[in-house]
Amino acid sequence: MEFAKKEWTEGLGRFSDEVLNQAILTCRDHCDMPPSLPQMISFCRDIKRRNTFYVSDEAHQPASRVVVEENIRQCKAYLLK
């Protein structure tokens, strides 16, 4: 039993309590049987991925006015066919 506790602690240690709580609620709602460790890690990864977002290191550079106007012209031409 100690081995199992150690494995689960190591496997789930990288996830926050909030992510773990959400994963437990997901299991309650969608699993007929208690999840295996790989299933629980998968639930946690999915939840963590949904709750985080990517921030680019590069500053946003808007398109030039000419490019924007050309794309708008093409959209109008396509829609008015």
Protein backbone atom coordinates (compact mmCIF):
# COMPACT_ATOMS: atom_id res chain seq x y z
CA MET A 1 0.00 0.00 0.00
CA GLU A 2 2.88 2.39 0.75
CA PHE A 3 4.28 1.77 -2.73
CA ALA A 4 0.96 2.73 -4.32
CA LYS A 5 0.73 5.91 -2.23
CA LYS A 6 4.27 6.86 -3.21
CA GLU A 7 3.57 6.27 -6.92
CA TRP A 8 0.37 8.32 -6.86
CA THR A 9 2.08 11.11 -4.91
CA GLU A 10 4.94 11.26 -7.41
CA GLY A 11 2.61 10.98 -10.41
CA LEU A 12 0.24 13.72 -9.29
CA GLY A 13 2.73 15.96 -7.46
CA ARG A 14 3.18 18.33 -10.38
CA PHE A 15 -0.49 19.33 -10.40
CA SER A 16 -2.08 21.97 -8.18
CA ASP A 17 -4.80 21.16 -5.66
CA GLU A 18 -7.31 22.99 -7.87
CA VAL A 19 -6.48 20.79 -10.88
CA LEU A 20 -6.66 17.64 -8.73
CA ASN A 21 -10.05 18.66 -7.32
CA GLN A 22 -11.40 19.29 -10.82
CA ALA A 23 -10.06 15.90 -11.97
CA ILE A 24 -11.76 14.16 -9.03
CA LEU A 25 -15.06 15.84 -9.91
CA THR A 26 -14.62 14.78 -13.54
CA CYS A 27 -14.06 11.18 -12.43
CA ARG A 28 -17.18 11.27 -10.26
CA ASP A 29 -19.25 12.47 -13.18
CA HIS A 30 -17.83 10.35 -16.00
CA CYS A 31 -16.11 7.20 -14.68
CA ASP A 32 -17.87 3.99 -13.71
CA MET A 33 -14.80 2.77 -11.83
CA PRO A 34 -12.02 4.64 -10.00
CA PRO A 35 -9.34 5.76 -12.47
CA SER A 36 -5.90 4.24 -12.80
CA LEU A 37 -2.91 6.51 -12.21
CA PRO A 38 -2.32 7.05 -15.97
CA GLN A 39 -6.00 7.95 -16.42
CA MET A 40 -5.87 10.41 -13.53
CA ILE A 41 -2.69 12.00 -14.91
CA SER A 42 -4.43 12.32 -18.28
CA PHE A 43 -7.44 14.03 -16.69
CA CYS A 44 -5.13 16.42 -14.83
CA ARG A 45 -3.12 17.24 -17.97
CA ASP A 46 -6.30 18.00 -19.92
CA ILE A 47 -7.63 20.25 -17.16
CA LYS A 48 -4.30 22.04 -16.78
CA ARG A 49 -4.13 22.58 -20.55
CA ARG A 50 -7.65 24.05 -20.58
CA ASN A 51 -6.84 26.41 -17.71
CA THR A 52 -3.57 27.78 -19.07
CA PHE A 53 -2.88 29.88 -22.11
CA TYR A 54 0.13 30.65 -24.26
CA VAL A 55 1.68 34.11 -24.18
CA SER A 56 4.01 34.91 -27.03
CA ASP A 57 7.37 36.50 -26.27
CA GLU A 58 7.13 38.57 -29.45
CA ALA A 59 5.28 41.86 -29.53
CA HIS A 60 2.21 41.96 -31.76
CA GLN A 61 2.80 43.76 -35.03
CA PRO A 62 -0.42 44.76 -36.80
CA ALA A 63 -0.73 44.25 -40.54
CA SER A 64 -0.19 47.24 -42.76
CA ARG A 65 -3.22 49.20 -43.90
CA VAL A 66 -2.66 48.08 -47.52
CA VAL A 67 -2.77 44.39 -46.53
CA VAL A 68 -5.91 44.90 -44.43
CA GLU A 69 -7.72 46.75 -47.21
CA GLU A 70 -6.78 44.08 -49.77
CA ASN A 71 -8.07 41.29 -47.53
CA ILE A 72 -11.31 43.16 -46.89
CA ARG A 73 -11.72 43.70 -50.64
CA GLN A 74 -11.24 39.97 -51.27
CA CYS A 75 -13.77 39.08 -48.56
CA LYS A 76 -16.36 41.45 -50.02
CA ALA A 77 -15.77 40.08 -53.52
CA TYR A 78 -16.25 36.52 -52.25
CA LEU A 79 -19.40 37.36 -50.28
CA LEU A 80 -21.02 39.37 -53.07
CA LYS A 81 -20.64 36.69 -55.77
